[in-house]
Amino acid sequence: LDGNPVTKFTLWRLYTLFRLANFSLKKINDIEVSAGDIINAEKLFGPLSRVATSHLPQYRLLSLMGDGKRKQIFAEGRKQVEAGKAGGDKTQMEWVGKAGLVYILPESKQDIESKKAFAHNFLTEMAKEAAFNERKRAEFMKIWPSIITEMVQDALADMTDLDTYMKRSLDEL
């Protein structure tokens, strides 16, 4: 307890009770947990978790929910997940609210930004490559008839003297 810097914060105990409410803790560091402590923790951090999850993007909110809840939301055809409308499952919403309070490390934020930059650059390069290939295809389609005509004319010119053509063909074999 003395070496843990978290215990120096005044709200650490309430936050611990809030986050670990599903374990029904009876004692924390040999100090009894009262019903008042649990209620105070919920009053203090409950609204904070609801506010935090209300500002999460839909993909992040759906990733915090279980597969069953995700399927239910999509089956009902919902476009947005709101804290008050997510099916009325209070324990599920509390869990999502608590998960929404998870701090993303700065490295993770930088990693997300680098992934976004990579994806943007990748898509830009793919678009340029697709445009370049389309230009090449269009040019090829323009010159294709003349290539075929030239190939047929060359073949016919070679075959005008049939004896010479047969000798050349046999020599090539």
N, C-alpha and C. Protein backbone atom coordinates (compact mmCIF):
# COMPACT_ATOMS: atom_id res chain seq x y z
N LEU A 1 0.83 -1.19 0.00
CA LEU A 1 0.00 0.00 0.00
C LEU A 1 0.87 1.25 0.00
N ASP A 2 1.96 1.22 0.77
CA ASP A 2 2.82 2.40 0.85
C ASP A 2 3.57 2.65 -0.44
N GLY A 3 3.96 1.58 -1.15
CA GLY A 3 4.75 1.74 -2.36
C GLY A 3 3.92 1.95 -3.60
N ASN A 4 2.60 1.84 -3.50
CA ASN A 4 1.74 1.97 -4.67
C ASN A 4 1.32 3.43 -4.83
N PRO A 5 1.78 4.11 -5.88
CA PRO A 5 1.45 5.54 -6.05
C PRO A 5 -0.04 5.77 -6.32
N VAL A 6 -0.75 4.76 -6.78
CA VAL A 6 -2.17 4.93 -7.08
C VAL A 6 -2.95 5.22 -5.80
N THR A 7 -2.52 4.62 -4.69
CA THR A 7 -3.26 4.80 -3.44
C THR A 7 -3.13 6.21 -2.88
N LYS A 8 -2.25 7.00 -3.42
CA LYS A 8 -2.11 8.40 -2.98
C LYS A 8 -3.22 9.29 -3.55
N PHE A 9 -3.90 8.82 -4.62
CA PHE A 9 -5.01 9.58 -5.18
C PHE A 9 -6.23 9.41 -4.29
N THR A 10 -6.99 10.48 -4.11
CA THR A 10 -8.13 10.42 -3.19
C THR A 10 -9.27 9.57 -3.72
N LEU A 11 -9.42 9.46 -5.02
CA LEU A 11 -10.56 8.73 -5.59
C LEU A 11 -10.21 7.31 -6.02
N TRP A 12 -9.02 6.84 -5.71
CA TRP A 12 -8.62 5.53 -6.21
C TRP A 12 -9.52 4.42 -5.70
N ARG A 13 -9.93 4.52 -4.43
CA ARG A 13 -10.75 3.47 -3.83
C ARG A 13 -12.13 3.42 -4.49
N LEU A 14 -12.74 4.60 -4.69
CA LEU A 14 -14.05 4.63 -5.33
C LEU A 14 -13.97 4.14 -6.77
N TYR A 15 -12.93 4.54 -7.47
CA TYR A 15 -12.77 4.09 -8.85
C TYR A 15 -12.57 2.58 -8.91
N THR A 16 -11.80 2.04 -7.98
CA THR A 16 -11.60 0.59 -7.91
C THR A 16 -12.92 -0.11 -7.66
N LEU A 17 -13.71 0.41 -6.74
CA LEU A 17 -15.02 -0.18 -6.47
C LEU A 17 -15.92 -0.12 -7.70
N PHE A 18 -15.88 1.00 -8.39
CA PHE A 18 -16.71 1.15 -9.59
C PHE A 18 -16.30 0.16 -10.67
N ARG A 19 -15.01 0.10 -10.96
CA ARG A 19 -14.52 -0.77 -12.04
C ARG A 19 -14.67 -2.25 -11.71
N LEU A 20 -14.56 -2.59 -10.43
CA LEU A 20 -14.61 -4.00 -10.03
C LEU A 20 -15.92 -4.35 -9.33
N ALA A 21 -16.98 -3.63 -9.63
CA ALA A 21 -18.28 -3.85 -8.98
C ALA A 21 -18.80 -5.26 -9.22
N ASN A 22 -18.48 -5.85 -10.35
CA ASN A 22 -18.97 -7.19 -10.66
C ASN A 22 -18.36 -8.26 -9.74
N PHE A 23 -17.29 -7.93 -9.02
CA PHE A 23 -16.67 -8.88 -8.10
C PHE A 23 -17.26 -8.80 -6.69
N SER A 24 -18.12 -7.83 -6.43
CA SER A 24 -18.73 -7.63 -5.11
C SER A 24 -17.68 -7.66 -4.01
N LEU A 25 -16.72 -6.76 -4.11
CA LEU A 25 -15.63 -6.72 -3.14
C LEU A 25 -16.16 -6.43 -1.74
N LYS A 26 -15.64 -7.16 -0.76
CA LYS A 26 -16.02 -6.95 0.64
C LYS A 26 -14.98 -6.11 1.37
N LYS A 27 -13.71 -6.26 0.95
CA LYS A 27 -12.63 -5.51 1.59
C LYS A 27 -11.65 -5.06 0.52
N ILE A 28 -11.07 -3.88 0.75
CA ILE A 28 -9.96 -3.41 -0.07
C ILE A 28 -8.86 -3.00 0.89
N ASN A 29 -7.72 -3.67 0.79
CA ASN A 29 -6.59 -3.43 1.70
C ASN A 29 -7.02 -3.51 3.16
N ASP A 30 -7.77 -4.57 3.49
CA ASP A 30 -8.25 -4.84 4.85
C ASP A 30 -9.18 -3.77 5.40
N ILE A 31 -9.79 -2.98 4.54
CA ILE A 31 -10.79 -2.00 4.96
C ILE A 31 -12.12 -2.43 4.37
N GLU A 32 -13.14 -2.54 5.23
CA GLU A 32 -14.46 -2.98 4.80
C GLU A 32 -15.04 -2.05 3.74
N VAL A 33 -15.75 -2.64 2.80
CA VAL A 33 -16.44 -1.87 1.76
C VAL A 33 -17.90 -1.79 2.16
N SER A 34 -18.40 -0.58 2.32
CA SER A 34 -19.79 -0.40 2.72
C SER A 34 -20.67 -0.20 1.49
N ALA A 35 -21.97 -0.35 1.71
CA ALA A 35 -22.92 -0.11 0.62
C ALA A 35 -22.85 1.35 0.19
N GLY A 36 -22.60 2.23 1.13
CA GLY A 36 -22.47 3.66 0.80
C GLY A 36 -21.29 3.92 -0.12
N ASP A 37 -20.18 3.19 0.10
CA ASP A 37 -19.02 3.34 -0.77
C ASP A 37 -19.37 2.94 -2.21
N ILE A 38 -20.10 1.85 -2.34
CA ILE A 38 -20.48 1.37 -3.67
C ILE A 38 -21.41 2.37 -4.35
N ILE A 39 -22.37 2.90 -3.59
CA ILE A 39 -23.31 3.89 -4.15
C ILE A 39 -22.57 5.16 -4.54
N ASN A 40 -21.66 5.62 -3.69
CA ASN A 40 -20.88 6.82 -4.01
C ASN A 40 -20.02 6.61 -5.26
N ALA A 41 -19.44 5.43 -5.38
CA ALA A 41 -18.62 5.12 -6.56
C ALA A 41 -19.47 5.17 -7.82
N GLU A 42 -20.68 4.59 -7.74
CA GLU A 42 -21.57 4.59 -8.91
C GLU A 42 -22.04 6.01 -9.23
N LYS A 43 -22.35 6.79 -8.21
CA LYS A 43 -22.79 8.17 -8.44
C LYS A 43 -21.69 9.02 -9.06
N LEU A 44 -20.46 8.78 -8.65
CA LEU A 44 -19.35 9.59 -9.13
C LEU A 44 -18.89 9.17 -10.53
N PHE A 45 -18.71 7.88 -10.74
CA PHE A 45 -18.11 7.42 -12.00
C PHE A 45 -19.13 6.91 -13.02
N GLY A 46 -20.37 6.64 -12.60
CA GLY A 46 -21.40 6.18 -13.54
C GLY A 46 -21.69 7.20 -14.64
N PRO A 47 -22.01 8.45 -14.26
CA PRO A 47 -22.25 9.46 -15.30
C PRO A 47 -21.02 9.72 -16.17
N LEU A 48 -19.84 9.65 -15.55
CA LEU A 48 -18.61 9.85 -16.32
C LEU A 48 -18.46 8.77 -17.39
N SER A 49 -18.77 7.53 -17.02
CA SER A 49 -18.66 6.45 -18.01
C SER A 49 -19.70 6.60 -19.11
N ARG A 50 -20.91 7.05 -18.76
CA ARG A 50 -21.94 7.26 -19.78
C ARG A 50 -21.55 8.38 -20.74
N VAL A 51 -20.98 9.46 -20.20
CA VAL A 51 -20.52 10.56 -21.06
C VAL A 51 -19.39 10.09 -21.96
N ALA A 52 -18.46 9.33 -21.38
CA ALA A 52 -17.32 8.84 -22.18
C ALA A 52 -17.79 7.94 -23.31
N THR A 53 -18.74 7.05 -23.04
CA THR A 53 -19.20 6.15 -24.10
C THR A 53 -20.10 6.86 -25.10
N SER A 54 -20.75 7.94 -24.68
CA SER A 54 -21.60 8.65 -25.64
C SER A 54 -20.78 9.37 -26.70
N HIS A 55 -19.50 9.63 -26.42
CA HIS A 55 -18.63 10.30 -27.38
C HIS A 55 -17.73 9.33 -28.14
N LEU A 56 -17.90 8.04 -27.89
CA LEU A 56 -17.10 7.06 -28.62
C LEU A 56 -17.66 6.89 -30.02
N PRO A 57 -16.81 6.66 -31.02
CA PRO A 57 -17.32 6.35 -32.35
C PRO A 57 -18.06 5.01 -32.32
N GLN A 58 -18.96 4.82 -33.26
CA GLN A 58 -19.79 3.62 -33.26
C GLN A 58 -18.95 2.35 -33.35
N TYR A 59 -17.90 2.34 -34.16
CA TYR A 59 -17.10 1.13 -34.29
C TYR A 59 -16.43 0.76 -32.97
N ARG A 60 -16.01 1.76 -32.20
CA ARG A 60 -15.35 1.49 -30.92
C ARG A 60 -16.37 0.99 -29.91
N LEU A 61 -17.56 1.57 -29.92
CA LEU A 61 -18.60 1.16 -29.00
C LEU A 61 -19.03 -0.27 -29.30
N LEU A 62 -19.16 -0.60 -30.58
CA LEU A 62 -19.54 -1.96 -30.94
C LEU A 62 -18.45 -2.96 -30.59
N SER A 63 -17.19 -2.53 -30.65
CA SER A 63 -16.12 -3.46 -30.30
C SER A 63 -16.11 -3.74 -28.80
N LEU A 64 -16.64 -2.83 -27.99
CA LEU A 64 -16.71 -3.05 -26.55
C LEU A 64 -17.85 -3.99 -26.17
N MET A 65 -18.85 -4.07 -27.03
CA MET A 65 -20.00 -4.92 -26.75
C MET A 65 -19.69 -6.35 -27.16
N GLY A 66 -20.42 -7.27 -26.61
CA GLY A 66 -20.26 -8.67 -26.98
C GLY A 66 -20.86 -8.95 -28.33
N ASP A 67 -20.57 -10.13 -28.88
CA ASP A 67 -21.09 -10.51 -30.19
C ASP A 67 -22.61 -10.58 -30.21
N GLY A 68 -23.20 -11.08 -29.12
CA GLY A 68 -24.65 -11.19 -29.07
C GLY A 68 -25.33 -9.84 -29.16
N LYS A 69 -24.81 -8.86 -28.43
CA LYS A 69 -25.39 -7.52 -28.45
C LYS A 69 -25.20 -6.86 -29.80
N ARG A 70 -24.03 -7.09 -30.42
CA ARG A 70 -23.77 -6.54 -31.75
C ARG A 70 -24.75 -7.11 -32.77
N LYS A 71 -24.97 -8.42 -32.72
CA LYS A 71 -25.90 -9.05 -33.65
C LYS A 71 -27.32 -8.53 -33.43
N GLN A 72 -27.68 -8.34 -32.15
CA GLN A 72 -29.01 -7.82 -31.84
C GLN A 72 -29.18 -6.42 -32.41
N ILE A 73 -28.18 -5.60 -32.28
CA ILE A 73 -28.26 -4.22 -32.77
C ILE A 73 -28.39 -4.21 -34.29
N PHE A 74 -27.59 -5.03 -34.97
CA PHE A 74 -27.67 -5.07 -36.42
C PHE A 74 -28.98 -5.70 -36.89
N ALA A 75 -29.48 -6.70 -36.15
CA ALA A 75 -30.73 -7.34 -36.53
C ALA A 75 -31.90 -6.36 -36.43
N GLU A 76 -31.84 -5.48 -35.46
CA GLU A 76 -32.91 -4.50 -35.30
C GLU A 76 -32.76 -3.34 -36.28
N GLY A 77 -31.65 -3.32 -37.03
CA GLY A 77 -31.45 -2.30 -38.04
C GLY A 77 -31.10 -0.94 -37.48
N ARG A 78 -30.48 -0.92 -36.33
CA ARG A 78 -30.12 0.37 -35.74
C ARG A 78 -28.91 0.94 -36.43
N LYS A 79 -28.92 2.23 -36.63
CA LYS A 79 -27.78 2.91 -37.23
C LYS A 79 -26.85 3.47 -36.16
N GLN A 80 -27.38 3.84 -35.02
CA GLN A 80 -26.57 4.44 -33.96
C GLN A 80 -26.84 3.69 -32.67
N VAL A 81 -25.81 3.55 -31.86
CA VAL A 81 -25.96 2.94 -30.55
C VAL A 81 -25.90 4.06 -29.52
N GLU A 82 -26.98 4.19 -28.78
CA GLU A 82 -27.02 5.23 -27.76
C GLU A 82 -27.10 4.56 -26.40
N ALA A 83 -26.57 5.21 -25.42
CA ALA A 83 -26.49 4.62 -24.08
C ALA A 83 -27.87 4.23 -23.56
N GLY A 84 -28.88 5.02 -23.79
CA GLY A 84 -30.20 4.73 -23.27
C GLY A 84 -31.01 3.78 -24.12
N LYS A 85 -30.61 3.49 -25.32
CA LYS A 85 -31.42 2.70 -26.24
C LYS A 85 -30.80 1.35 -26.59
N ALA A 86 -29.78 0.94 -25.92
CA ALA A 86 -29.07 -0.27 -26.33
C ALA A 86 -29.71 -1.52 -25.78
N GLY A 87 -31.03 -1.59 -25.78
CA GLY A 87 -31.72 -2.81 -25.44
C GLY A 87 -32.15 -2.89 -23.98
N GLY A 88 -31.80 -1.94 -23.16
CA GLY A 88 -32.24 -1.95 -21.78
C GLY A 88 -31.46 -2.89 -20.89
N ASP A 89 -30.43 -3.52 -21.36
CA ASP A 89 -29.61 -4.41 -20.55
C ASP A 89 -28.66 -3.57 -19.72
N LYS A 90 -29.04 -3.34 -18.45
CA LYS A 90 -28.29 -2.40 -17.61
C LYS A 90 -26.87 -2.89 -17.34
N THR A 91 -26.71 -4.16 -17.08
CA THR A 91 -25.36 -4.66 -16.78
C THR A 91 -24.46 -4.57 -18.00
N GLN A 92 -25.02 -4.82 -19.17
CA GLN A 92 -24.21 -4.71 -20.40
C GLN A 92 -23.77 -3.27 -20.61
N MET A 93 -24.68 -2.33 -20.42
CA MET A 93 -24.34 -0.93 -20.62
C MET A 93 -23.35 -0.45 -19.55
N GLU A 94 -23.48 -0.95 -18.33
CA GLU A 94 -22.50 -0.60 -17.30
C GLU A 94 -21.12 -1.10 -17.69
N TRP A 95 -21.07 -2.33 -18.21
CA TRP A 95 -19.79 -2.90 -18.62
C TRP A 95 -19.19 -2.09 -19.76
N VAL A 96 -20.02 -1.73 -20.73
CA VAL A 96 -19.54 -0.91 -21.85
C VAL A 96 -19.07 0.44 -21.34
N GLY A 97 -19.81 1.02 -20.39
CA GLY A 97 -19.41 2.30 -19.82
C GLY A 97 -18.07 2.22 -19.13
N LYS A 98 -17.85 1.14 -18.40
CA LYS A 98 -16.57 0.96 -17.71
C LYS A 98 -15.45 0.74 -18.72
N ALA A 99 -15.74 -0.03 -19.76
CA ALA A 99 -14.72 -0.27 -20.79
C ALA A 99 -14.40 1.01 -21.54
N GLY A 100 -15.37 1.91 -21.63
CA GLY A 100 -15.12 3.19 -22.31
C GLY A 100 -14.17 4.09 -21.55
N LEU A 101 -14.00 3.82 -20.26
CA LEU A 101 -13.09 4.63 -19.45
C LEU A 101 -11.65 4.15 -19.52
N VAL A 102 -11.40 3.12 -20.29
CA VAL A 102 -10.03 2.60 -20.41
C VAL A 102 -9.17 3.63 -21.12
N TYR A 103 -8.05 3.91 -20.52
CA TYR A 103 -7.13 4.91 -21.07
C TYR A 103 -6.30 4.27 -22.17
N ILE A 104 -6.25 4.90 -23.33
CA ILE A 104 -5.41 4.43 -24.42
C ILE A 104 -4.06 5.10 -24.27
N LEU A 105 -3.03 4.29 -24.19
CA LEU A 105 -1.68 4.83 -24.01
C LEU A 105 -1.29 5.71 -25.18
N PRO A 106 -0.44 6.71 -24.94
CA PRO A 106 0.00 7.58 -26.04
C PRO A 106 0.64 6.81 -27.19
N GLU A 107 1.35 5.71 -26.88
CA GLU A 107 1.94 4.92 -27.94
C GLU A 107 0.84 4.36 -28.85
N SER A 108 -0.26 3.96 -28.22
CA SER A 108 -1.36 3.42 -29.00
C SER A 108 -1.97 4.49 -29.89
N LYS A 109 -2.08 5.71 -29.37
CA LYS A 109 -2.61 6.80 -30.18
C LYS A 109 -1.69 7.08 -31.35
N GLN A 110 -0.38 7.06 -31.08
CA GLN A 110 0.58 7.28 -32.16
C GLN A 110 0.51 6.13 -33.16
N ASP A 111 0.32 4.93 -32.64
CA ASP A 111 0.21 3.76 -33.51
C ASP A 111 -1.03 3.89 -34.40
N ILE A 112 -2.12 4.36 -33.81
CA ILE A 112 -3.35 4.55 -34.59
C ILE A 112 -3.13 5.60 -35.67
N GLU A 113 -2.46 6.69 -35.30
CA GLU A 113 -2.19 7.75 -36.29
C GLU A 113 -1.28 7.23 -37.40
N SER A 114 -0.28 6.43 -37.04
CA SER A 114 0.61 5.91 -38.08
C SER A 114 -0.13 4.93 -38.99
N LYS A 115 -1.05 4.17 -38.41
CA LYS A 115 -1.86 3.25 -39.23
C LYS A 115 -2.77 4.04 -40.16
N LYS A 116 -3.34 5.13 -39.66
CA LYS A 116 -4.19 5.97 -40.51
C LYS A 116 -3.37 6.56 -41.66
N ALA A 117 -2.17 7.03 -41.34
CA ALA A 117 -1.31 7.61 -42.37
C ALA A 117 -0.92 6.54 -43.39
N PHE A 118 -0.58 5.35 -42.91
CA PHE A 118 -0.23 4.26 -43.81
C PHE A 118 -1.41 3.92 -44.72
N ALA A 119 -2.60 3.80 -44.14
CA ALA A 119 -3.78 3.46 -44.94
C ALA A 119 -4.06 4.55 -45.98
N HIS A 120 -3.92 5.81 -45.58
CA HIS A 120 -4.15 6.91 -46.52
C HIS A 120 -3.15 6.86 -47.66
N ASN A 121 -1.86 6.68 -47.32
CA ASN A 121 -0.83 6.60 -48.36
C ASN A 121 -1.04 5.39 -49.26
N PHE A 122 -1.40 4.26 -48.66
CA PHE A 122 -1.63 3.05 -49.43
C PHE A 122 -2.78 3.24 -50.42
N LEU A 123 -3.88 3.81 -49.94
CA LEU A 123 -5.03 4.04 -50.82
C LEU A 123 -4.71 5.06 -51.90
N THR A 124 -3.94 6.08 -51.56
CA THR A 124 -3.53 7.08 -52.56
C THR A 124 -2.70 6.42 -53.65
N GLU A 125 -1.74 5.59 -53.24
CA GLU A 125 -0.89 4.89 -54.21
C GLU A 125 -1.72 3.93 -55.06
N MET A 126 -2.67 3.25 -54.44
CA MET A 126 -3.53 2.32 -55.19
C MET A 126 -4.37 3.08 -56.22
N ALA A 127 -4.87 4.25 -55.84
CA ALA A 127 -5.66 5.05 -56.77
C ALA A 127 -4.80 5.53 -57.93
N LYS A 128 -3.57 5.97 -57.63
CA LYS A 128 -2.66 6.41 -58.70
C LYS A 128 -2.34 5.24 -59.63
N GLU A 129 -2.08 4.08 -59.05
CA GLU A 129 -1.76 2.89 -59.85
C GLU A 129 -2.95 2.49 -60.73
N ALA A 130 -4.15 2.56 -60.16
CA ALA A 130 -5.35 2.23 -60.94
C ALA A 130 -5.54 3.21 -62.09
N ALA A 131 -5.32 4.49 -61.83
CA ALA A 131 -5.46 5.50 -62.90
C ALA A 131 -4.41 5.28 -63.98
N PHE A 132 -3.17 4.97 -63.57
CA PHE A 132 -2.10 4.70 -64.53
C PHE A 132 -2.43 3.47 -65.39
N ASN A 133 -2.91 2.41 -64.74
CA ASN A 133 -3.28 1.20 -65.48
C ASN A 133 -4.44 1.46 -66.43
N GLU A 134 -5.37 2.29 -66.02
CA GLU A 134 -6.50 2.61 -66.90
C GLU A 134 -6.02 3.40 -68.12
N ARG A 135 -5.08 4.32 -67.93
CA ARG A 135 -4.53 5.06 -69.07
C ARG A 135 -3.80 4.11 -70.02
N LYS A 136 -3.03 3.18 -69.46
CA LYS A 136 -2.32 2.21 -70.30
C LYS A 136 -3.31 1.34 -71.08
N ARG A 137 -4.38 0.91 -70.41
CA ARG A 137 -5.39 0.09 -71.08
C ARG A 137 -6.07 0.86 -72.20
N ALA A 138 -6.39 2.13 -71.95
CA ALA A 138 -7.03 2.97 -72.96
C ALA A 138 -6.11 3.15 -74.17
N GLU A 139 -4.83 3.40 -73.93
CA GLU A 139 -3.87 3.55 -75.03
C GLU A 139 -3.74 2.24 -75.81
N PHE A 140 -3.69 1.14 -75.09
CA PHE A 140 -3.59 -0.16 -75.74
C PHE A 140 -4.81 -0.42 -76.62
N MET A 141 -5.99 -0.08 -76.10
CA MET A 141 -7.22 -0.30 -76.88
C MET A 141 -7.23 0.58 -78.13
N LYS A 142 -6.58 1.74 -78.08
CA LYS A 142 -6.50 2.60 -79.26
C LYS A 142 -5.59 2.00 -80.33
N ILE A 143 -4.45 1.43 -79.90
CA ILE A 143 -3.47 0.94 -80.89
C ILE A 143 -3.67 -0.54 -81.23
N TRP A 144 -4.52 -1.25 -80.49
CA TRP A 144 -4.72 -2.67 -80.74
C TRP A 144 -5.14 -2.98 -82.18
N PRO A 145 -6.11 -2.30 -82.75
CA PRO A 145 -6.48 -2.61 -84.14
C PRO A 145 -5.31 -2.46 -85.11
N SER A 146 -4.49 -1.43 -84.92
CA SER A 146 -3.35 -1.26 -85.83
C SER A 146 -2.30 -2.35 -85.62
N ILE A 147 -2.14 -2.82 -84.39
CA ILE A 147 -1.19 -3.92 -84.14
C ILE A 147 -1.66 -5.19 -84.85
N ILE A 148 -2.93 -5.51 -84.73
CA ILE A 148 -3.47 -6.70 -85.40
C ILE A 148 -3.31 -6.57 -86.91
N THR A 149 -3.65 -5.40 -87.43
CA THR A 149 -3.52 -5.18 -88.88
C THR A 149 -2.08 -5.37 -89.33
N GLU A 150 -1.15 -4.81 -88.58
CA GLU A 150 0.27 -4.93 -88.92
C GLU A 150 0.74 -6.38 -88.85
N MET A 151 0.29 -7.12 -87.84
CA MET A 151 0.68 -8.53 -87.72
C MET A 151 0.15 -9.35 -88.90
N VAL A 152 -1.09 -9.10 -89.29
CA VAL A 152 -1.67 -9.83 -90.43
C VAL A 152 -0.93 -9.47 -91.71
N GLN A 153 -0.63 -8.18 -91.90
CA GLN A 153 0.09 -7.76 -93.10
C GLN A 153 1.49 -8.38 -93.16
N ASP A 154 2.20 -8.43 -92.03
CA ASP A 154 3.52 -9.05 -91.98
C ASP A 154 3.43 -10.54 -92.32
N ALA A 155 2.43 -11.22 -91.77
CA ALA A 155 2.28 -12.65 -92.05
C ALA A 155 1.97 -12.88 -93.53
N LEU A 156 1.12 -12.06 -94.09
CA LEU A 156 0.78 -12.20 -95.51
C LEU A 156 1.98 -11.87 -96.39
N ALA A 157 2.77 -10.87 -96.00
CA ALA A 157 3.96 -10.51 -96.78
C ALA A 157 4.97 -11.65 -96.76
N ASP A 158 5.10 -12.31 -95.62
CA ASP A 158 6.03 -13.44 -95.52
C ASP A 158 5.56 -14.61 -96.39
N MET A 159 4.26 -14.78 -96.52
CA MET A 159 3.73 -15.92 -97.25
C MET A 159 3.55 -15.66 -98.74
N THR A 160 3.86 -14.48 -99.24
CA THR A 160 3.68 -14.22 -100.67
C THR A 160 4.53 -15.16 -101.51
N ASP A 161 5.75 -15.39 -101.08
CA ASP A 161 6.59 -16.37 -101.76
C ASP A 161 6.57 -17.62 -100.89
N LEU A 162 5.71 -18.56 -101.24
CA LEU A 162 5.45 -19.73 -100.42
C LEU A 162 6.68 -20.62 -100.26
N ASP A 163 7.50 -20.78 -101.32
CA ASP A 163 8.69 -21.63 -101.23
C ASP A 163 9.68 -21.07 -100.21
N THR A 164 9.94 -19.76 -100.26
CA THR A 164 10.86 -19.13 -99.32
C THR A 164 10.31 -19.24 -97.90
N TYR A 165 9.02 -19.08 -97.73
CA TYR A 165 8.37 -19.16 -96.41
C TYR A 165 8.53 -20.55 -95.81
N MET A 166 8.34 -21.60 -96.63
CA MET A 166 8.47 -22.97 -96.13
C MET A 166 9.91 -23.27 -95.73
N LYS A 167 10.90 -22.83 -96.55
CA LYS A 167 12.30 -23.06 -96.22
C LYS A 167 12.67 -22.36 -94.90
N ARG A 168 12.22 -21.12 -94.74
CA ARG A 168 12.52 -20.36 -93.52
C ARG A 168 11.87 -21.03 -92.31
N SER A 169 10.66 -21.52 -92.47
CA SER A 169 9.95 -22.18 -91.38
C SER A 169 10.65 -23.47 -90.99
N LEU A 170 11.13 -24.24 -91.97
CA LEU A 170 11.84 -25.48 -91.67
C LEU A 170 13.18 -25.20 -91.00
N ASP A 171 13.86 -24.13 -91.41
CA ASP A 171 15.14 -23.78 -90.79
C ASP A 171 14.95 -23.36 -89.32
N GLU A 172 13.84 -22.72 -89.04
CA GLU A 172 13.58 -22.29 -87.66
C GLU A 172 13.31 -23.47 -86.74
N LEU A 173 12.77 -24.55 -87.31
CA LEU A 173 12.48 -25.73 -86.49
C LEU A 173 13.76 -26.45 -86.20
